[in-house]
Amino acid sequence: TNIRNAPHPFLIAATRSGANYESRFSKTAGHEYFMNQCGCGAVLGD
């Protein structure tokens, strides 16, 4: 969870999955990490 530097094989798998997964700032965590997002733009935090 709270992956701050996603390894390249993970990023490839994320892209192929079709999920909206990218690095964003989390107010809850207090730092940026790779997280899921809805098509509406809402973050679905870890």
All heavy atoms as atom14 arrays in JSON, in Angstrom:
{
  "sequence": "TNIRNAPHPFLIAATRSGANYESRFSKTAGHEYFMNQCGCGAVLGD",
  "atom14_mask": [
    [1, 1, 1, 1, 1, 1, 1, 0, 0, 0, 0, 0, 0, 0],
    [1, 1, 1, 1, 1, 1, 1, 1, 0, 0, 0, 0, 0, 0],
    [1, 1, 1, 1, 1, 1, 1, 1, 0, 0, 0, 0, 0, 0],
    [1, 1, 1, 1, 1, 1, 1, 1, 1, 1, 1, 0, 0, 0],
    [1, 1, 1, 1, 1, 1, 1, 1, 0, 0, 0, 0, 0, 0],
    [1, 1, 1, 1, 1, 0, 0, 0, 0, 0, 0, 0, 0, 0],
    [1, 1, 1, 1, 1, 1, 1, 0, 0, 0, 0, 0, 0, 0],
    [1, 1, 1, 1, 1, 1, 1, 1, 1, 1, 0, 0, 0, 0],
    [1, 1, 1, 1, 1, 1, 1, 0, 0, 0, 0, 0, 0, 0],
    [1, 1, 1, 1, 1, 1, 1, 1, 1, 1, 1, 0, 0, 0],
    [1, 1, 1, 1, 1, 1, 1, 1, 0, 0, 0, 0, 0, 0],
    [1, 1, 1, 1, 1, 1, 1, 1, 0, 0, 0, 0, 0, 0],
    [1, 1, 1, 1, 1, 0, 0, 0, 0, 0, 0, 0, 0, 0],
    [1, 1, 1, 1, 1, 0, 0, 0, 0, 0, 0, 0, 0, 0],
    [1, 1, 1, 1, 1, 1, 1, 0, 0, 0, 0, 0, 0, 0],
    [1, 1, 1, 1, 1, 1, 1, 1, 1, 1, 1, 0, 0, 0],
    [1, 1, 1, 1, 1, 1, 0, 0, 0, 0, 0, 0, 0, 0],
    [1, 1, 1, 1, 0, 0, 0, 0, 0, 0, 0, 0, 0, 0],
    [1, 1, 1, 1, 1, 0, 0, 0, 0, 0, 0, 0, 0, 0],
    [1, 1, 1, 1, 1, 1, 1, 1, 0, 0, 0, 0, 0, 0],
    [1, 1, 1, 1, 1, 1, 1, 1, 1, 1, 1, 1, 0, 0],
    [1, 1, 1, 1, 1, 1, 1, 1, 1, 0, 0, 0, 0, 0],
    [1, 1, 1, 1, 1, 1, 0, 0, 0, 0, 0, 0, 0, 0],
    [1, 1, 1, 1, 1, 1, 1, 1, 1, 1, 1, 0, 0, 0],
    [1, 1, 1, 1, 1, 1, 1, 1, 1, 1, 1, 0, 0, 0],
    [1, 1, 1, 1, 1, 1, 0, 0, 0, 0, 0, 0, 0, 0],
    [1, 1, 1, 1, 1, 1, 1, 1, 1, 0, 0, 0, 0, 0],
    [1, 1, 1, 1, 1, 1, 1, 0, 0, 0, 0, 0, 0, 0],
    [1, 1, 1, 1, 1, 0, 0, 0, 0, 0, 0, 0, 0, 0],
    [1, 1, 1, 1, 0, 0, 0, 0, 0, 0, 0, 0, 0, 0],
    [1, 1, 1, 1, 1, 1, 1, 1, 1, 1, 0, 0, 0, 0],
    [1, 1, 1, 1, 1, 1, 1, 1, 1, 0, 0, 0, 0, 0],
    [1, 1, 1, 1, 1, 1, 1, 1, 1, 1, 1, 1, 0, 0],
    [1, 1, 1, 1, 1, 1, 1, 1, 1, 1, 1, 0, 0, 0],
    [1, 1, 1, 1, 1, 1, 1, 1, 0, 0, 0, 0, 0, 0],
    [1, 1, 1, 1, 1, 1, 1, 1, 0, 0, 0, 0, 0, 0],
    [1, 1, 1, 1, 1, 1, 1, 1, 1, 0, 0, 0, 0, 0],
    [1, 1, 1, 1, 1, 1, 0, 0, 0, 0, 0, 0, 0, 0],
    [1, 1, 1, 1, 0, 0, 0, 0, 0, 0, 0, 0, 0, 0],
    [1, 1, 1, 1, 1, 1, 0, 0, 0, 0, 0, 0, 0, 0],
    [1, 1, 1, 1, 0, 0, 0, 0, 0, 0, 0, 0, 0, 0],
    [1, 1, 1, 1, 1, 0, 0, 0, 0, 0, 0, 0, 0, 0],
    [1, 1, 1, 1, 1, 1, 1, 0, 0, 0, 0, 0, 0, 0],
    [1, 1, 1, 1, 1, 1, 1, 1, 0, 0, 0, 0, 0, 0],
    [1, 1, 1, 1, 0, 0, 0, 0, 0, 0, 0, 0, 0, 0],
    [1, 1, 1, 1, 1, 1, 1, 1, 0, 0, 0, 0, 0, 0]
  ],
  "atom14_positions": [
    [[0.85, -1.19, 0.0], [0.0, 0.0, 0.0], [0.89, 1.25, 0.0], [2.08, 1.17, 0.28], [-0.93, 0.06, 1.23], [-0.13, 0.16, 2.42], [-1.82, -1.17, 1.3], [0.0, 0.0, 0.0], [0.0, 0.0, 0.0], [0.0, 0.0, 0.0], [0.0, 0.0, 0.0], [0.0, 0.0, 0.0], [0.0, 0.0, 0.0], [0.0, 0.0, 0.0]],
    [[0.27, 2.39, -0.28], [0.98, 3.67, -0.28], [2.3, 3.58, -1.03], [3.34, 4.02, -0.55], [1.21, 4.16, 1.15], [-0.06, 4.58, 1.84], [-1.16, 4.27, 1.38], [0.05, 5.26, 2.95], [0.0, 0.0, 0.0], [0.0, 0.0, 0.0], [0.0, 0.0, 0.0], [0.0, 0.0, 0.0], [0.0, 0.0, 0.0], [0.0, 0.0, 0.0]],
    [[2.23, 3.03, -2.23], [3.43, 2.85, -3.05], [3.88, 4.21, -3.58], [3.17, 4.86, -4.33], [3.15, 1.88, -4.22], [2.79, 0.49, -3.67], [4.35, 1.82, -5.16], [2.33, -0.49, -4.74], [0.0, 0.0, 0.0], [0.0, 0.0, 0.0], [0.0, 0.0, 0.0], [0.0, 0.0, 0.0], [0.0, 0.0, 0.0], [0.0, 0.0, 0.0]],
    [[5.07, 4.62, -3.17], [5.58, 5.93, -3.57], [6.37, 5.88, -4.86], [6.43, 6.86, -5.58], [6.42, 6.52, -2.45], [5.57, 6.84, -1.22], [6.4, 7.38, -0.13], [5.92, 8.72, 0.19], [6.39, 9.45, 1.17], [7.38, 9.01, 1.91], [5.88, 10.63, 1.41], [0.0, 0.0, 0.0], [0.0, 0.0, 0.0], [0.0, 0.0, 0.0]],
    [[7.01, 4.77, -5.14], [7.81, 4.63, -6.37], [7.48, 3.28, -7.01], [8.21, 2.32, -6.84], [9.31, 4.76, -6.08], [9.83, 3.65, -5.18], [9.12, 3.13, -4.33], [11.07, 3.27, -5.37], [0.0, 0.0, 0.0], [0.0, 0.0, 0.0], [0.0, 0.0, 0.0], [0.0, 0.0, 0.0], [0.0, 0.0, 0.0], [0.0, 0.0, 0.0]],
    [[6.41, 3.23, -7.75], [5.96, 1.96, -8.34], [7.0, 1.44, -9.34], [7.42, 2.16, -10.24], [4.62, 2.15, -9.04], [0.0, 0.0, 0.0], [0.0, 0.0, 0.0], [0.0, 0.0, 0.0], [0.0, 0.0, 0.0], [0.0, 0.0, 0.0], [0.0, 0.0, 0.0], [0.0, 0.0, 0.0], [0.0, 0.0, 0.0], [0.0, 0.0, 0.0]],
    [[7.42, 0.19, -9.18], [8.38, -0.4, -10.13], [7.76, -0.5, -11.52], [6.54, -0.66, -11.66], [8.64, -1.8, -9.56], [8.2, -1.73, -8.12], [7.1, -0.71, -8.08], [0.0, 0.0, 0.0], [0.0, 0.0, 0.0], [0.0, 0.0, 0.0], [0.0, 0.0, 0.0], [0.0, 0.0, 0.0], [0.0, 0.0, 0.0], [0.0, 0.0, 0.0]],
    [[8.6, -0.45, -12.53], [8.14, -0.46, -13.92], [7.21, -1.64, -14.23], [6.16, -1.43, -14.86], [9.35, -0.44, -14.87], [8.98, -0.27, -16.3], [8.44, 0.89, -16.8], [9.04, -1.14, -17.33], [8.2, 0.74, -18.08], [8.55, -0.49, -18.44], [0.0, 0.0, 0.0], [0.0, 0.0, 0.0], [0.0, 0.0, 0.0], [0.0, 0.0, 0.0]],
    [[7.53, -2.89, -13.8], [6.6, -3.99, -14.1], [5.21, -3.77, -13.5], [4.2, -4.19, -14.06], [7.28, -5.22, -13.49], [8.72, -4.86, -13.41], [8.75, -3.38, -13.16], [0.0, 0.0, 0.0], [0.0, 0.0, 0.0], [0.0, 0.0, 0.0], [0.0, 0.0, 0.0], [0.0, 0.0, 0.0], [0.0, 0.0, 0.0], [0.0, 0.0, 0.0]],
    [[5.14, -3.09, -12.36], [3.84, -2.8, -11.74], [3.07, -1.76, -12.56], [1.87, -1.86, -12.73], [4.01, -2.3, -10.31], [4.4, -3.35, -9.31], [4.97, -4.56, -9.68], [4.21, -3.12, -7.96], [5.33, -5.51, -8.75], [4.55, -4.07, -7.02], [5.12, -5.26, -7.41], [0.0, 0.0, 0.0], [0.0, 0.0, 0.0], [0.0, 0.0, 0.0]],
    [[3.79, -0.75, -13.05], [3.14, 0.28, -13.86], [2.6, -0.31, -15.17], [1.52, 0.06, -15.62], [4.11, 1.43, -14.14], [4.51, 2.24, -12.91], [5.56, 3.28, -13.28], [3.3, 2.9, -12.26], [0.0, 0.0, 0.0], [0.0, 0.0, 0.0], [0.0, 0.0, 0.0], [0.0, 0.0, 0.0], [0.0, 0.0, 0.0], [0.0, 0.0, 0.0]],
    [[3.35, -1.23, -15.76], [2.87, -1.89, -16.98], [1.6, -2.69, -16.66], [0.61, -2.6, -17.39], [3.97, -2.81, -17.56], [5.11, -1.97, -18.11], [3.39, -3.73, -18.64], [6.35, -2.77, -18.48], [0.0, 0.0, 0.0], [0.0, 0.0, 0.0], [0.0, 0.0, 0.0], [0.0, 0.0, 0.0], [0.0, 0.0, 0.0], [0.0, 0.0, 0.0]],
    [[1.63, -3.44, -15.57], [0.46, -4.23, -15.19], [-0.73, -3.33, -14.89], [-1.87, -3.64, -15.26], [0.78, -5.1, -13.97], [0.0, 0.0, 0.0], [0.0, 0.0, 0.0], [0.0, 0.0, 0.0], [0.0, 0.0, 0.0], [0.0, 0.0, 0.0], [0.0, 0.0, 0.0], [0.0, 0.0, 0.0], [0.0, 0.0, 0.0], [0.0, 0.0, 0.0]],
    [[-0.5, -2.2, -14.24], [-1.58, -1.26, -13.92], [-2.2, -0.71, -15.19], [-3.42, -0.64, -15.32], [-1.05, -0.12, -13.05], [0.0, 0.0, 0.0], [0.0, 0.0, 0.0], [0.0, 0.0, 0.0], [0.0, 0.0, 0.0], [0.0, 0.0, 0.0], [0.0, 0.0, 0.0], [0.0, 0.0, 0.0], [0.0, 0.0, 0.0], [0.0, 0.0, 0.0]],
    [[-1.38, -0.33, -16.15], [-1.87, 0.2, -17.42], [-2.71, -0.85, -18.15], [-3.8, -0.55, -18.64], [-0.69, 0.65, -18.31], [0.03, 1.68, -17.63], [-1.17, 1.16, -19.66], [0.0, 0.0, 0.0], [0.0, 0.0, 0.0], [0.0, 0.0, 0.0], [0.0, 0.0, 0.0], [0.0, 0.0, 0.0], [0.0, 0.0, 0.0], [0.0, 0.0, 0.0]],
    [[-2.23, -2.07, -18.19], [-2.95, -3.15, -18.88], [-4.26, -3.51, -18.19], [-5.18, -4.02, -18.82], [-2.08, -4.38, -18.98], [-0.94, -4.2, -19.96], [-0.09, -5.44, -20.05], [1.0, -5.24, -21.0], [2.04, -6.03, -21.08], [2.15, -7.08, -20.29], [2.99, -5.77, -21.96], [0.0, 0.0, 0.0], [0.0, 0.0, 0.0], [0.0, 0.0, 0.0]],
    [[-4.36, -3.24, -16.89], [-5.56, -3.61, -16.13], [-6.76, -2.74, -16.5], [-7.9, -3.14, -16.27], [-5.3, -3.48, -14.63], [-5.29, -2.11, -14.23], [0.0, 0.0, 0.0], [0.0, 0.0, 0.0], [0.0, 0.0, 0.0], [0.0, 0.0, 0.0], [0.0, 0.0, 0.0], [0.0, 0.0, 0.0], [0.0, 0.0, 0.0], [0.0, 0.0, 0.0]],
    [[-6.5, -1.54, -17.0], [-7.59, -0.62, -17.3], [-7.98, 0.26, -16.12], [-8.82, 1.14, -16.25], [0.0, 0.0, 0.0], [0.0, 0.0, 0.0], [0.0, 0.0, 0.0], [0.0, 0.0, 0.0], [0.0, 0.0, 0.0], [0.0, 0.0, 0.0], [0.0, 0.0, 0.0], [0.0, 0.0, 0.0], [0.0, 0.0, 0.0], [0.0, 0.0, 0.0]],
    [[-7.36, 0.04, -14.98], [-7.65, 0.87, -13.8], [-7.01, 2.24, -13.97], [-5.99, 2.4, -14.63], [-7.13, 0.2, -12.53], [0.0, 0.0, 0.0], [0.0, 0.0, 0.0], [0.0, 0.0, 0.0], [0.0, 0.0, 0.0], [0.0, 0.0, 0.0], [0.0, 0.0, 0.0], [0.0, 0.0, 0.0], [0.0, 0.0, 0.0], [0.0, 0.0, 0.0]],
    [[-7.62, 3.24, -13.37], [-7.08, 4.59, -13.35], [-6.19, 4.67, -12.11], [-6.67, 4.91, -11.01], [-8.22, 5.6, -13.3], [-7.74, 7.02, -13.47], [-6.54, 7.3, -13.53], [-8.69, 7.95, -13.52], [0.0, 0.0, 0.0], [0.0, 0.0, 0.0], [0.0, 0.0, 0.0], [0.0, 0.0, 0.0], [0.0, 0.0, 0.0], [0.0, 0.0, 0.0]],
    [[-4.9, 4.43, -12.29], [-3.94, 4.29, -11.19], [-2.77, 5.21, -11.45], [-2.03, 5.03, -12.42], [-3.48, 2.83, -11.14], [-2.6, 2.45, -9.99], [-3.14, 2.25, -8.72], [-1.24, 2.25, -10.16], [-2.33, 1.87, -7.66], [-0.42, 1.87, -9.11], [-0.98, 1.69, -7.86], [-0.18, 1.31, -6.8], [0.0, 0.0, 0.0], [0.0, 0.0, 0.0]],
    [[-2.61, 6.23, -10.62], [-1.51, 7.17, -10.81], [-1.12, 7.81, -9.49], [-1.83, 7.7, -8.49], [-1.87, 8.25, -11.83], [-3.01, 9.14, -11.44], [-3.37, 10.14, -12.52], [-3.59, 9.73, -13.67], [-3.45, 11.34, -12.21], [0.0, 0.0, 0.0], [0.0, 0.0, 0.0], [0.0, 0.0, 0.0], [0.0, 0.0, 0.0], [0.0, 0.0, 0.0]],
    [[0.02, 8.46, -9.5], [0.53, 9.1, -8.3], [-0.21, 10.4, -8.05], [-0.3, 11.25, -8.93], [2.04, 9.36, -8.45], [2.57, 9.84, -7.26], [0.0, 0.0, 0.0], [0.0, 0.0, 0.0], [0.0, 0.0, 0.0], [0.0, 0.0, 0.0], [0.0, 0.0, 0.0], [0.0, 0.0, 0.0], [0.0, 0.0, 0.0], [0.0, 0.0, 0.0]],
    [[-0.76, 10.51, -6.84], [-1.5, 11.71, -6.43], [-1.17, 12.0, -4.97], [-0.8, 11.11, -4.22], [-3.02, 11.5, -6.56], [-3.55, 11.22, -7.94], [-4.07, 12.44, -8.69], [-5.04, 13.22, -8.0], [-6.35, 13.21, -8.21], [-6.87, 12.38, -9.09], [-7.15, 14.0, -7.55], [0.0, 0.0, 0.0], [0.0, 0.0, 0.0], [0.0, 0.0, 0.0]],
    [[-1.39, 13.23, -4.56], [-1.19, 13.6, -3.16], [-2.4, 13.18, -2.34], [-3.55, 13.39, -2.74], [-0.97, 15.11, -3.01], [-0.67, 15.5, -1.6], [0.61, 15.34, -1.08], [-1.67, 15.97, -0.77], [0.89, 15.68, 0.24], [-1.4, 16.32, 0.56], [-0.12, 16.17, 1.06], [0.0, 0.0, 0.0], [0.0, 0.0, 0.0], [0.0, 0.0, 0.0]],
    [[-2.14, 12.58, -1.19], [-3.2, 12.18, -0.28], [-3.16, 13.05, 0.97], [-2.14, 13.09, 1.67], [-3.02, 10.71, 0.13], [-3.82, 10.4, 1.24], [0.0, 0.0, 0.0], [0.0, 0.0, 0.0], [0.0, 0.0, 0.0], [0.0, 0.0, 0.0], [0.0, 0.0, 0.0], [0.0, 0.0, 0.0], [0.0, 0.0, 0.0], [0.0, 0.0, 0.0]],
    [[-4.25, 13.74, 1.25], [-4.33, 14.53, 2.47], [-4.28, 13.61, 3.69], [-3.68, 13.95, 4.7], [-5.62, 15.35, 2.49], [-5.66, 16.45, 1.47], [-6.99, 17.18, 1.52], [-7.13, 18.14, 0.35], [-8.46, 18.74, 0.31], [0.0, 0.0, 0.0], [0.0, 0.0, 0.0], [0.0, 0.0, 0.0], [0.0, 0.0, 0.0], [0.0, 0.0, 0.0]],
    [[-4.94, 12.45, 3.6], [-4.97, 11.51, 4.72], [-3.57, 10.99, 5.04], [-3.17, 10.97, 6.2], [-5.9, 10.32, 4.39], [-7.2, 10.83, 4.1], [-5.99, 9.35, 5.55], [0.0, 0.0, 0.0], [0.0, 0.0, 0.0], [0.0, 0.0, 0.0], [0.0, 0.0, 0.0], [0.0, 0.0, 0.0], [0.0, 0.0, 0.0], [0.0, 0.0, 0.0]],
    [[-2.83, 10.56, 4.01], [-1.49, 10.01, 4.22], [-0.44, 11.11, 4.44], [0.6, 10.87, 5.05], [-1.08, 9.14, 3.04], [0.0, 0.0, 0.0], [0.0, 0.0, 0.0], [0.0, 0.0, 0.0], [0.0, 0.0, 0.0], [0.0, 0.0, 0.0], [0.0, 0.0, 0.0], [0.0, 0.0, 0.0], [0.0, 0.0, 0.0], [0.0, 0.0, 0.0]],
    [[-0.71, 12.29, 3.89], [0.24, 13.39, 4.03], [1.39, 13.33, 3.05], [2.4, 14.01, 3.24], [0.0, 0.0, 0.0], [0.0, 0.0, 0.0], [0.0, 0.0, 0.0], [0.0, 0.0, 0.0], [0.0, 0.0, 0.0], [0.0, 0.0, 0.0], [0.0, 0.0, 0.0], [0.0, 0.0, 0.0], [0.0, 0.0, 0.0], [0.0, 0.0, 0.0]],
    [[1.27, 12.52, 2.01], [2.3, 12.44, 0.98], [1.68, 11.91, -0.32], [0.54, 11.48, -0.35], [3.47, 11.54, 1.42], [3.08, 10.13, 1.67], [2.78, 9.66, 2.93], [2.93, 9.07, 0.84], [2.46, 8.37, 2.86], [2.54, 8.0, 1.6], [0.0, 0.0, 0.0], [0.0, 0.0, 0.0], [0.0, 0.0, 0.0], [0.0, 0.0, 0.0]],
    [[2.48, 11.95, -1.37], [2.05, 11.46, -2.67], [2.32, 9.97, -2.76], [3.36, 9.48, -2.29], [2.83, 12.2, -3.76], [2.29, 12.01, -5.14], [2.92, 12.96, -6.14], [2.9, 14.18, -5.89], [3.41, 12.46, -7.17], [0.0, 0.0, 0.0], [0.0, 0.0, 0.0], [0.0, 0.0, 0.0], [0.0, 0.0, 0.0], [0.0, 0.0, 0.0]],
    [[1.38, 9.23, -3.34], [1.59, 7.81, -3.62], [0.68, 7.39, -4.76], [-0.23, 8.11, -5.14], [1.39, 6.95, -2.37], [-0.04, 6.83, -1.88], [-0.87, 5.8, -2.34], [-0.55, 7.71, -0.93], [-2.18, 5.67, -1.88], [-1.85, 7.58, -0.46], [-2.66, 6.56, -0.94], [-3.95, 6.43, -0.48], [0.0, 0.0, 0.0], [0.0, 0.0, 0.0]],
    [[0.95, 6.21, -5.32], [0.12, 5.69, -6.4], [-1.19, 5.2, -5.81], [-1.2, 4.41, -4.87], [0.83, 4.55, -7.14], [1.86, 5.06, -8.1], [3.15, 5.34, -7.67], [1.54, 5.28, -9.43], [4.1, 5.82, -8.55], [2.48, 5.76, -10.32], [3.77, 6.03, -9.88], [0.0, 0.0, 0.0], [0.0, 0.0, 0.0], [0.0, 0.0, 0.0]],
    [[-2.3, 5.7, -6.39], [-3.61, 5.33, -5.88], [-4.61, 5.17, -7.01], [-4.38, 5.63, -8.13], [-4.11, 6.36, -4.87], [-4.32, 7.75, -5.44], [-4.9, 8.94, -4.21], [-3.41, 9.27, -3.29], [0.0, 0.0, 0.0], [0.0, 0.0, 0.0], [0.0, 0.0, 0.0], [0.0, 0.0, 0.0], [0.0, 0.0, 0.0], [0.0, 0.0, 0.0]],
    [[-5.69, 4.5, -6.69], [-6.78, 4.3, -7.64], [-7.66, 5.53, -7.66], [-7.79, 6.25, -6.66], [-7.61, 3.09, -7.2], [-6.85, 1.79, -7.36], [-6.78, 1.24, -8.44], [-6.27, 1.31, -6.26], [0.0, 0.0, 0.0], [0.0, 0.0, 0.0], [0.0, 0.0, 0.0], [0.0, 0.0, 0.0], [0.0, 0.0, 0.0], [0.0, 0.0, 0.0]],
    [[-8.3, 5.75, -8.83], [-9.21, 6.86, -8.98], [-10.43, 6.42, -9.78], [-10.34, 5.54, -10.62], [-8.52, 8.0, -9.72], [-7.33, 8.54, -8.97], [-6.52, 9.45, -9.85], [-6.91, 10.58, -10.07], [-5.41, 8.96, -10.36], [0.0, 0.0, 0.0], [0.0, 0.0, 0.0], [0.0, 0.0, 0.0], [0.0, 0.0, 0.0], [0.0, 0.0, 0.0]],
    [[-11.53, 7.05, -9.53], [-12.75, 6.82, -10.28], [-12.69, 7.69, -11.55], [-11.95, 8.67, -11.6], [-13.95, 7.22, -9.43], [-15.54, 7.08, -10.29], [0.0, 0.0, 0.0], [0.0, 0.0, 0.0], [0.0, 0.0, 0.0], [0.0, 0.0, 0.0], [0.0, 0.0, 0.0], [0.0, 0.0, 0.0], [0.0, 0.0, 0.0], [0.0, 0.0, 0.0]],
    [[-13.5, 7.35, -12.53], [-13.59, 8.15, -13.75], [-14.03, 9.58, -13.49], [-13.75, 10.48, -14.27], [0.0, 0.0, 0.0], [0.0, 0.0, 0.0], [0.0, 0.0, 0.0], [0.0, 0.0, 0.0], [0.0, 0.0, 0.0], [0.0, 0.0, 0.0], [0.0, 0.0, 0.0], [0.0, 0.0, 0.0], [0.0, 0.0, 0.0], [0.0, 0.0, 0.0]],
    [[-14.73, 9.81, -12.37], [-15.19, 11.16, -12.02], [-14.07, 12.02, -11.43], [-14.25, 13.2, -11.19], [-16.38, 11.11, -11.06], [-15.96, 10.7, -9.35], [0.0, 0.0, 0.0], [0.0, 0.0, 0.0], [0.0, 0.0, 0.0], [0.0, 0.0, 0.0], [0.0, 0.0, 0.0], [0.0, 0.0, 0.0], [0.0, 0.0, 0.0], [0.0, 0.0, 0.0]],
    [[-12.91, 11.39, -11.18], [-11.77, 12.11, -10.62], [-11.57, 11.92, -9.13], [-10.54, 12.32, -8.59], [0.0, 0.0, 0.0], [0.0, 0.0, 0.0], [0.0, 0.0, 0.0], [0.0, 0.0, 0.0], [0.0, 0.0, 0.0], [0.0, 0.0, 0.0], [0.0, 0.0, 0.0], [0.0, 0.0, 0.0], [0.0, 0.0, 0.0], [0.0, 0.0, 0.0]],
    [[-12.53, 11.31, -8.45], [-12.39, 11.08, -7.01], [-11.31, 10.03, -6.76], [-11.23, 9.03, -7.47], [-13.72, 10.6, -6.42], [0.0, 0.0, 0.0], [0.0, 0.0, 0.0], [0.0, 0.0, 0.0], [0.0, 0.0, 0.0], [0.0, 0.0, 0.0], [0.0, 0.0, 0.0], [0.0, 0.0, 0.0], [0.0, 0.0, 0.0], [0.0, 0.0, 0.0]],
    [[-10.5, 10.27, -5.74], [-9.48, 9.29, -5.39], [-10.09, 8.22, -4.47], [-10.95, 8.51, -3.64], [-8.25, 9.94, -4.71], [-7.54, 10.87, -5.68], [-8.61, 10.66, -3.44], [0.0, 0.0, 0.0], [0.0, 0.0, 0.0], [0.0, 0.0, 0.0], [0.0, 0.0, 0.0], [0.0, 0.0, 0.0], [0.0, 0.0, 0.0], [0.0, 0.0, 0.0]],
    [[-9.67, 7.0, -4.71], [-10.08, 5.87, -3.87], [-8.82, 5.42, -3.16], [-8.08, 4.56, -3.64], [-10.68, 4.77, -4.75], [-11.87, 5.21, -5.61], [-12.26, 4.14, -6.61], [-13.06, 5.58, -4.74], [0.0, 0.0, 0.0], [0.0, 0.0, 0.0], [0.0, 0.0, 0.0], [0.0, 0.0, 0.0], [0.0, 0.0, 0.0], [0.0, 0.0, 0.0]],
    [[-8.54, 6.04, -2.03], [-7.28, 5.86, -1.32], [-7.08, 4.47, -0.75], [-8.03, 3.72, -0.52], [0.0, 0.0, 0.0], [0.0, 0.0, 0.0], [0.0, 0.0, 0.0], [0.0, 0.0, 0.0], [0.0, 0.0, 0.0], [0.0, 0.0, 0.0], [0.0, 0.0, 0.0], [0.0, 0.0, 0.0], [0.0, 0.0, 0.0], [0.0, 0.0, 0.0]],
    [[-5.82, 4.15, -0.51], [-5.47, 2.82, -0.01], [-6.07, 2.52, 1.36], [-6.47, 1.39, 1.62], [-3.96, 2.65, 0.04], [-3.37, 2.37, -1.33], [-4.13, 2.34, -2.33], [-2.14, 2.17, -1.42], [0.0, 0.0, 0.0], [0.0, 0.0, 0.0], [0.0, 0.0, 0.0], [0.0, 0.0, 0.0], [0.0, 0.0, 0.0], [0.0, 0.0, 0.0]]
  ]
}
